[in-house]
Amino acid sequence: MNKKQLIDKVSLKLKRDKNVCYPKWELASIIEPVLETIMETLGHNEEIHLNNFGRFLIKEKKGSRYYNINTKRTEIAPDRKILQFIPCKGFHFDAPRNASPDSTDTSKKSTDEKADK
């Protein structure tokens, strides 16, 4: 999802759930500074905690050893900074709609098999 799609979804959700109609340019003027503030804060190695959503933080990852096939030597990669997201306890992912049958379907099969025997 890109920024335009995010603005479209927020606009649609506000219309549907809150019965509020904001122009998309006005939503863009709100969302863009929020995203810039998040990037600036993370750029200063500060943690961002959003209640009922999760935390964003920057972690330092030490460089790991790797084998350089061109020089035929083991080298160490430079240290990196990694963005980490830790979801809150209530955060969940919806299962894909075309997922394989869940465990309840397999239990039905096993009970059907027992009935046949």
N, C-alpha and C. Protein backbone atom coordinates (compact mmCIF):
# COMPACT_ATOMS: atom_id res chain seq x y z
N MET A 1 0.86 -1.17 0.00
CA MET A 1 0.00 0.00 0.00
C MET A 1 0.90 1.23 0.00
N ASN A 2 0.61 2.14 -0.90
CA ASN A 2 1.35 3.38 -0.92
C ASN A 2 0.56 4.49 -0.21
N LYS A 3 1.12 5.70 -0.19
CA LYS A 3 0.49 6.80 0.56
C LYS A 3 -0.87 7.17 -0.01
N LYS A 4 -1.01 7.17 -1.32
CA LYS A 4 -2.29 7.51 -1.94
C LYS A 4 -3.36 6.49 -1.56
N GLN A 5 -3.00 5.22 -1.59
CA GLN A 5 -3.95 4.18 -1.21
C GLN A 5 -4.31 4.28 0.27
N LEU A 6 -3.36 4.65 1.11
CA LEU A 6 -3.64 4.84 2.53
C LEU A 6 -4.65 5.96 2.72
N ILE A 7 -4.45 7.06 2.03
CA ILE A 7 -5.38 8.20 2.13
C ILE A 7 -6.76 7.79 1.65
N ASP A 8 -6.83 7.04 0.55
CA ASP A 8 -8.12 6.57 0.04
C ASP A 8 -8.83 5.68 1.07
N LYS A 9 -8.09 4.77 1.70
CA LYS A 9 -8.70 3.87 2.68
C LYS A 9 -9.15 4.62 3.92
N VAL A 10 -8.36 5.59 4.37
CA VAL A 10 -8.77 6.39 5.54
C VAL A 10 -10.02 7.18 5.21
N SER A 11 -10.07 7.76 4.02
CA SER A 11 -11.25 8.52 3.60
C SER A 11 -12.48 7.62 3.57
N LEU A 12 -12.35 6.44 2.99
CA LEU A 12 -13.46 5.50 2.90
C LEU A 12 -13.93 5.06 4.30
N LYS A 13 -12.96 4.77 5.18
CA LYS A 13 -13.30 4.33 6.54
C LYS A 13 -14.01 5.43 7.31
N LEU A 14 -13.58 6.68 7.17
CA LEU A 14 -14.25 7.79 7.86
C LEU A 14 -15.67 7.97 7.35
N LYS A 15 -15.86 7.82 6.04
CA LYS A 15 -17.21 7.94 5.48
C LYS A 15 -18.12 6.84 5.99
N ARG A 16 -17.61 5.61 5.97
CA ARG A 16 -18.42 4.46 6.33
C ARG A 16 -18.69 4.37 7.84
N ASP A 17 -17.63 4.51 8.65
CA ASP A 17 -17.77 4.28 10.09
C ASP A 17 -18.23 5.52 10.86
N LYS A 18 -17.70 6.68 10.53
CA LYS A 18 -17.99 7.89 11.29
C LYS A 18 -18.96 8.83 10.59
N ASN A 19 -19.29 8.52 9.35
CA ASN A 19 -20.16 9.37 8.55
C ASN A 19 -19.60 10.78 8.42
N VAL A 20 -18.26 10.84 8.25
CA VAL A 20 -17.55 12.11 8.09
C VAL A 20 -16.89 12.11 6.73
N CYS A 21 -17.02 13.19 6.01
CA CYS A 21 -16.45 13.27 4.67
C CYS A 21 -15.39 14.36 4.62
N TYR A 22 -14.11 13.94 4.64
CA TYR A 22 -13.00 14.88 4.49
C TYR A 22 -12.53 14.84 3.05
N PRO A 23 -12.14 15.98 2.50
CA PRO A 23 -11.51 15.94 1.17
C PRO A 23 -10.16 15.22 1.27
N LYS A 24 -9.80 14.53 0.23
CA LYS A 24 -8.56 13.76 0.26
C LYS A 24 -7.33 14.64 0.41
N TRP A 25 -7.37 15.86 -0.14
CA TRP A 25 -6.22 16.75 0.01
C TRP A 25 -6.05 17.14 1.48
N GLU A 26 -7.15 17.23 2.22
CA GLU A 26 -7.06 17.58 3.64
C GLU A 26 -6.49 16.41 4.44
N LEU A 27 -6.90 15.20 4.12
CA LEU A 27 -6.33 14.02 4.77
C LEU A 27 -4.84 13.90 4.46
N ALA A 28 -4.46 14.21 3.23
CA ALA A 28 -3.05 14.17 2.86
C ALA A 28 -2.25 15.19 3.66
N SER A 29 -2.83 16.37 3.91
CA SER A 29 -2.12 17.39 4.68
C SER A 29 -2.00 17.02 6.15
N ILE A 30 -2.79 16.03 6.61
CA ILE A 30 -2.67 15.52 7.98
C ILE A 30 -1.72 14.34 8.03
N ILE A 31 -1.85 13.41 7.09
CA ILE A 31 -1.08 12.17 7.12
C ILE A 31 0.40 12.42 6.81
N GLU A 32 0.70 13.29 5.86
CA GLU A 32 2.10 13.53 5.49
C GLU A 32 2.94 14.04 6.65
N PRO A 33 2.49 15.06 7.42
CA PRO A 33 3.30 15.49 8.57
C PRO A 33 3.44 14.39 9.64
N VAL A 34 2.42 13.55 9.79
CA VAL A 34 2.51 12.46 10.77
C VAL A 34 3.63 11.50 10.35
N LEU A 35 3.65 11.13 9.09
CA LEU A 35 4.69 10.22 8.60
C LEU A 35 6.07 10.85 8.69
N GLU A 36 6.18 12.15 8.38
CA GLU A 36 7.46 12.85 8.49
C GLU A 36 7.94 12.88 9.94
N THR A 37 7.02 13.11 10.88
CA THR A 37 7.38 13.15 12.29
C THR A 37 7.86 11.78 12.75
N ILE A 38 7.21 10.72 12.30
CA ILE A 38 7.65 9.36 12.65
C ILE A 38 9.05 9.11 12.12
N MET A 39 9.31 9.49 10.87
CA MET A 39 10.64 9.28 10.29
C MET A 39 11.71 10.10 11.02
N GLU A 40 11.41 11.35 11.36
CA GLU A 40 12.37 12.18 12.08
C GLU A 40 12.68 11.61 13.46
N THR A 41 11.64 11.16 14.15
CA THR A 41 11.82 10.61 15.49
C THR A 41 12.67 9.35 15.44
N LEU A 42 12.38 8.46 14.50
CA LEU A 42 13.19 7.26 14.35
C LEU A 42 14.62 7.61 13.92
N GLY A 43 14.77 8.66 13.13
CA GLY A 43 16.09 9.10 12.71
C GLY A 43 16.95 9.57 13.87
N HIS A 44 16.33 9.98 14.96
CA HIS A 44 17.05 10.41 16.16
C HIS A 44 17.19 9.27 17.16
N ASN A 45 16.95 8.03 16.71
CA ASN A 45 17.04 6.81 17.53
C ASN A 45 16.09 6.84 18.71
N GLU A 46 14.96 7.49 18.56
CA GLU A 46 13.95 7.49 19.61
C GLU A 46 12.88 6.46 19.28
N GLU A 47 12.28 5.91 20.33
CA GLU A 47 11.24 4.90 20.17
C GLU A 47 9.88 5.59 20.03
N ILE A 48 9.01 4.99 19.21
CA ILE A 48 7.65 5.50 19.05
C ILE A 48 6.71 4.42 19.56
N HIS A 49 5.87 4.79 20.52
CA HIS A 49 4.90 3.85 21.09
C HIS A 49 3.51 4.38 20.81
N LEU A 50 2.74 3.62 20.03
CA LEU A 50 1.37 3.98 19.70
C LEU A 50 0.44 3.01 20.42
N ASN A 51 -0.34 3.52 21.37
CA ASN A 51 -1.24 2.67 22.15
C ASN A 51 -2.19 1.92 21.22
N ASN A 52 -2.47 0.68 21.58
CA ASN A 52 -3.35 -0.21 20.83
C ASN A 52 -2.88 -0.48 19.41
N PHE A 53 -1.62 -0.23 19.13
CA PHE A 53 -1.05 -0.54 17.81
C PHE A 53 0.28 -1.26 17.97
N GLY A 54 1.28 -0.57 18.51
CA GLY A 54 2.58 -1.19 18.69
C GLY A 54 3.67 -0.17 18.87
N ARG A 55 4.92 -0.66 18.82
CA ARG A 55 6.09 0.19 19.00
C ARG A 55 6.99 0.09 17.77
N PHE A 56 7.59 1.21 17.43
CA PHE A 56 8.62 1.26 16.40
C PHE A 56 9.92 1.64 17.11
N LEU A 57 10.98 0.92 16.82
CA LEU A 57 12.27 1.28 17.40
C LEU A 57 13.38 0.92 16.45
N ILE A 58 14.51 1.56 16.64
CA ILE A 58 15.69 1.30 15.83
C ILE A 58 16.64 0.44 16.65
N LYS A 59 17.05 -0.69 16.08
CA LYS A 59 17.98 -1.58 16.75
C LYS A 59 19.30 -1.57 16.01
N GLU A 60 20.37 -1.69 16.77
CA GLU A 60 21.70 -1.80 16.19
C GLU A 60 21.99 -3.27 15.93
N LYS A 61 22.39 -3.59 14.71
CA LYS A 61 22.75 -4.96 14.39
C LYS A 61 24.24 -5.00 14.08
N LYS A 62 24.94 -5.82 14.84
CA LYS A 62 26.38 -5.93 14.63
C LYS A 62 26.66 -6.58 13.28
N GLY A 63 27.77 -6.21 12.70
CA GLY A 63 28.16 -6.80 11.43
C GLY A 63 28.47 -8.27 11.57
N SER A 64 28.08 -9.04 10.60
CA SER A 64 28.33 -10.48 10.64
C SER A 64 29.47 -10.84 9.69
N ARG A 65 30.03 -12.01 9.93
CA ARG A 65 31.13 -12.48 9.07
C ARG A 65 30.54 -13.05 7.78
N TYR A 66 31.23 -12.85 6.71
CA TYR A 66 30.83 -13.46 5.44
C TYR A 66 32.08 -13.76 4.63
N TYR A 67 31.94 -14.65 3.69
CA TYR A 67 33.06 -15.05 2.84
C TYR A 67 32.96 -14.29 1.53
N ASN A 68 33.99 -13.53 1.22
CA ASN A 68 34.05 -12.78 -0.02
C ASN A 68 34.71 -13.67 -1.08
N ILE A 69 33.91 -14.08 -2.08
CA ILE A 69 34.46 -15.01 -3.07
C ILE A 69 35.46 -14.35 -4.01
N ASN A 70 35.40 -13.01 -4.13
CA ASN A 70 36.34 -12.31 -5.01
C ASN A 70 37.73 -12.26 -4.40
N THR A 71 37.82 -11.96 -3.09
CA THR A 71 39.13 -11.86 -2.44
C THR A 71 39.52 -13.15 -1.75
N LYS A 72 38.60 -14.12 -1.67
CA LYS A 72 38.82 -15.41 -1.02
C LYS A 72 39.19 -15.25 0.45
N ARG A 73 38.57 -14.25 1.10
CA ARG A 73 38.82 -14.02 2.53
C ARG A 73 37.51 -13.85 3.28
N THR A 74 37.57 -14.12 4.56
CA THR A 74 36.42 -13.88 5.43
C THR A 74 36.48 -12.43 5.89
N GLU A 75 35.37 -11.73 5.74
CA GLU A 75 35.31 -10.31 6.11
C GLU A 75 34.14 -10.09 7.05
N ILE A 76 34.08 -8.90 7.63
CA ILE A 76 32.99 -8.55 8.54
C ILE A 76 32.19 -7.42 7.91
N ALA A 77 30.88 -7.64 7.81
CA ALA A 77 29.99 -6.62 7.26
C ALA A 77 29.88 -5.47 8.26
N PRO A 78 29.66 -4.25 7.79
CA PRO A 78 29.53 -3.13 8.72
C PRO A 78 28.27 -3.24 9.58
N ASP A 79 28.30 -2.58 10.73
CA ASP A 79 27.13 -2.54 11.60
C ASP A 79 26.00 -1.80 10.89
N ARG A 80 24.75 -2.20 11.20
CA ARG A 80 23.60 -1.59 10.56
C ARG A 80 22.57 -1.20 11.61
N LYS A 81 21.69 -0.32 11.21
CA LYS A 81 20.53 0.02 12.02
C LYS A 81 19.31 -0.57 11.35
N ILE A 82 18.45 -1.20 12.16
CA ILE A 82 17.29 -1.89 11.62
C ILE A 82 16.04 -1.36 12.30
N LEU A 83 15.01 -1.10 11.51
CA LEU A 83 13.73 -0.68 12.05
C LEU A 83 12.97 -1.93 12.49
N GLN A 84 12.50 -1.91 13.74
CA GLN A 84 11.76 -3.04 14.28
C GLN A 84 10.38 -2.58 14.71
N PHE A 85 9.38 -3.37 14.39
CA PHE A 85 8.01 -3.10 14.83
C PHE A 85 7.59 -4.22 15.76
N ILE A 86 7.11 -3.85 16.95
CA ILE A 86 6.62 -4.81 17.92
C ILE A 86 5.14 -4.53 18.11
N PRO A 87 4.27 -5.42 17.63
CA PRO A 87 2.83 -5.16 17.74
C PRO A 87 2.36 -5.29 19.19
N CYS A 88 1.25 -4.60 19.50
CA CYS A 88 0.68 -4.71 20.83
C CYS A 88 -0.03 -6.06 20.97
N LYS A 89 -0.44 -6.40 22.18
CA LYS A 89 -1.05 -7.71 22.42
C LYS A 89 -2.33 -7.90 21.62
N GLY A 90 -3.10 -6.84 21.41
CA GLY A 90 -4.36 -6.97 20.71
C GLY A 90 -4.23 -6.97 19.20
N PHE A 91 -3.03 -6.79 18.68
CA PHE A 91 -2.79 -6.72 17.24
C PHE A 91 -2.92 -8.13 16.66
N HIS A 92 -3.67 -8.26 15.57
CA HIS A 92 -3.82 -9.57 14.93
C HIS A 92 -3.84 -9.41 13.42
N PHE A 93 -3.47 -10.49 12.77
CA PHE A 93 -3.50 -10.54 11.31
C PHE A 93 -4.68 -11.39 10.91
N ASP A 94 -5.44 -10.95 9.94
CA ASP A 94 -6.54 -11.75 9.44
C ASP A 94 -5.99 -12.86 8.56
N ALA A 95 -6.61 -14.03 8.64
CA ALA A 95 -6.19 -15.15 7.80
C ALA A 95 -6.59 -14.86 6.36
N PRO A 96 -5.78 -15.28 5.40
CA PRO A 96 -6.14 -15.08 3.99
C PRO A 96 -7.45 -15.78 3.67
N ARG A 97 -8.21 -15.22 2.76
CA ARG A 97 -9.53 -15.76 2.43
C ARG A 97 -9.42 -17.12 1.72
N ASN A 98 -8.36 -17.33 0.97
CA ASN A 98 -8.21 -18.59 0.24
C ASN A 98 -7.27 -19.53 0.97
N ALA A 99 -7.32 -19.52 2.29
CA ALA A 99 -6.42 -20.37 3.08
C ALA A 99 -6.90 -21.82 3.02
N SER A 100 -5.99 -22.71 3.38
CA SER A 100 -6.34 -24.12 3.43
C SER A 100 -7.33 -24.35 4.56
N PRO A 101 -8.03 -25.47 4.55
CA PRO A 101 -9.02 -25.73 5.60
C PRO A 101 -8.38 -25.71 6.97
N ASP A 102 -9.12 -25.21 7.95
CA ASP A 102 -8.58 -25.13 9.30
C ASP A 102 -8.72 -26.47 10.01
N SER A 103 -8.28 -26.51 11.26
CA SER A 103 -8.22 -27.76 12.00
C SER A 103 -9.62 -28.33 12.25
N THR A 104 -10.64 -27.48 12.30
CA THR A 104 -11.98 -28.00 12.55
C THR A 104 -12.45 -28.86 11.38
N ASP A 105 -12.05 -28.51 10.17
CA ASP A 105 -12.44 -29.31 9.01
C ASP A 105 -11.78 -30.69 9.06
N THR A 106 -10.53 -30.77 9.49
CA THR A 106 -9.84 -32.05 9.55
C THR A 106 -10.44 -32.91 10.64
N SER A 107 -10.90 -32.30 11.73
CA SER A 107 -11.52 -33.10 12.78
C SER A 107 -12.84 -33.68 12.29
N LYS A 108 -13.56 -32.94 11.44
CA LYS A 108 -14.79 -33.47 10.88
C LYS A 108 -14.50 -34.67 10.00
N LYS A 109 -13.40 -34.60 9.24
CA LYS A 109 -13.04 -35.72 8.38
C LYS A 109 -12.73 -36.94 9.22
N SER A 110 -12.00 -36.75 10.32
CA SER A 110 -11.63 -37.89 11.13
C SER A 110 -12.86 -38.52 11.79
N THR A 111 -13.85 -37.72 12.20
CA THR A 111 -15.07 -38.28 12.78
C THR A 111 -15.89 -38.99 11.70
N ASP A 112 -15.87 -38.47 10.46
CA ASP A 112 -16.56 -39.13 9.37
C ASP A 112 -15.91 -40.49 9.06
N GLU A 113 -14.57 -40.52 9.12
CA GLU A 113 -13.86 -41.76 8.87
C GLU A 113 -14.18 -42.80 9.93
N LYS A 114 -14.29 -42.34 11.21
CA LYS A 114 -14.62 -43.26 12.29
C LYS A 114 -16.02 -43.83 12.11
N ALA A 115 -16.93 -43.01 11.64
CA ALA A 115 -18.31 -43.45 11.44
C ALA A 115 -18.38 -44.50 10.31
N ASP A 116 -17.53 -44.35 9.30
CA ASP A 116 -17.51 -45.31 8.20
C ASP A 116 -17.00 -46.67 8.65
N LYS A 117 -16.10 -46.69 9.62
CA LYS A 117 -15.49 -47.95 10.09
C LYS A 117 -16.47 -48.63 10.96
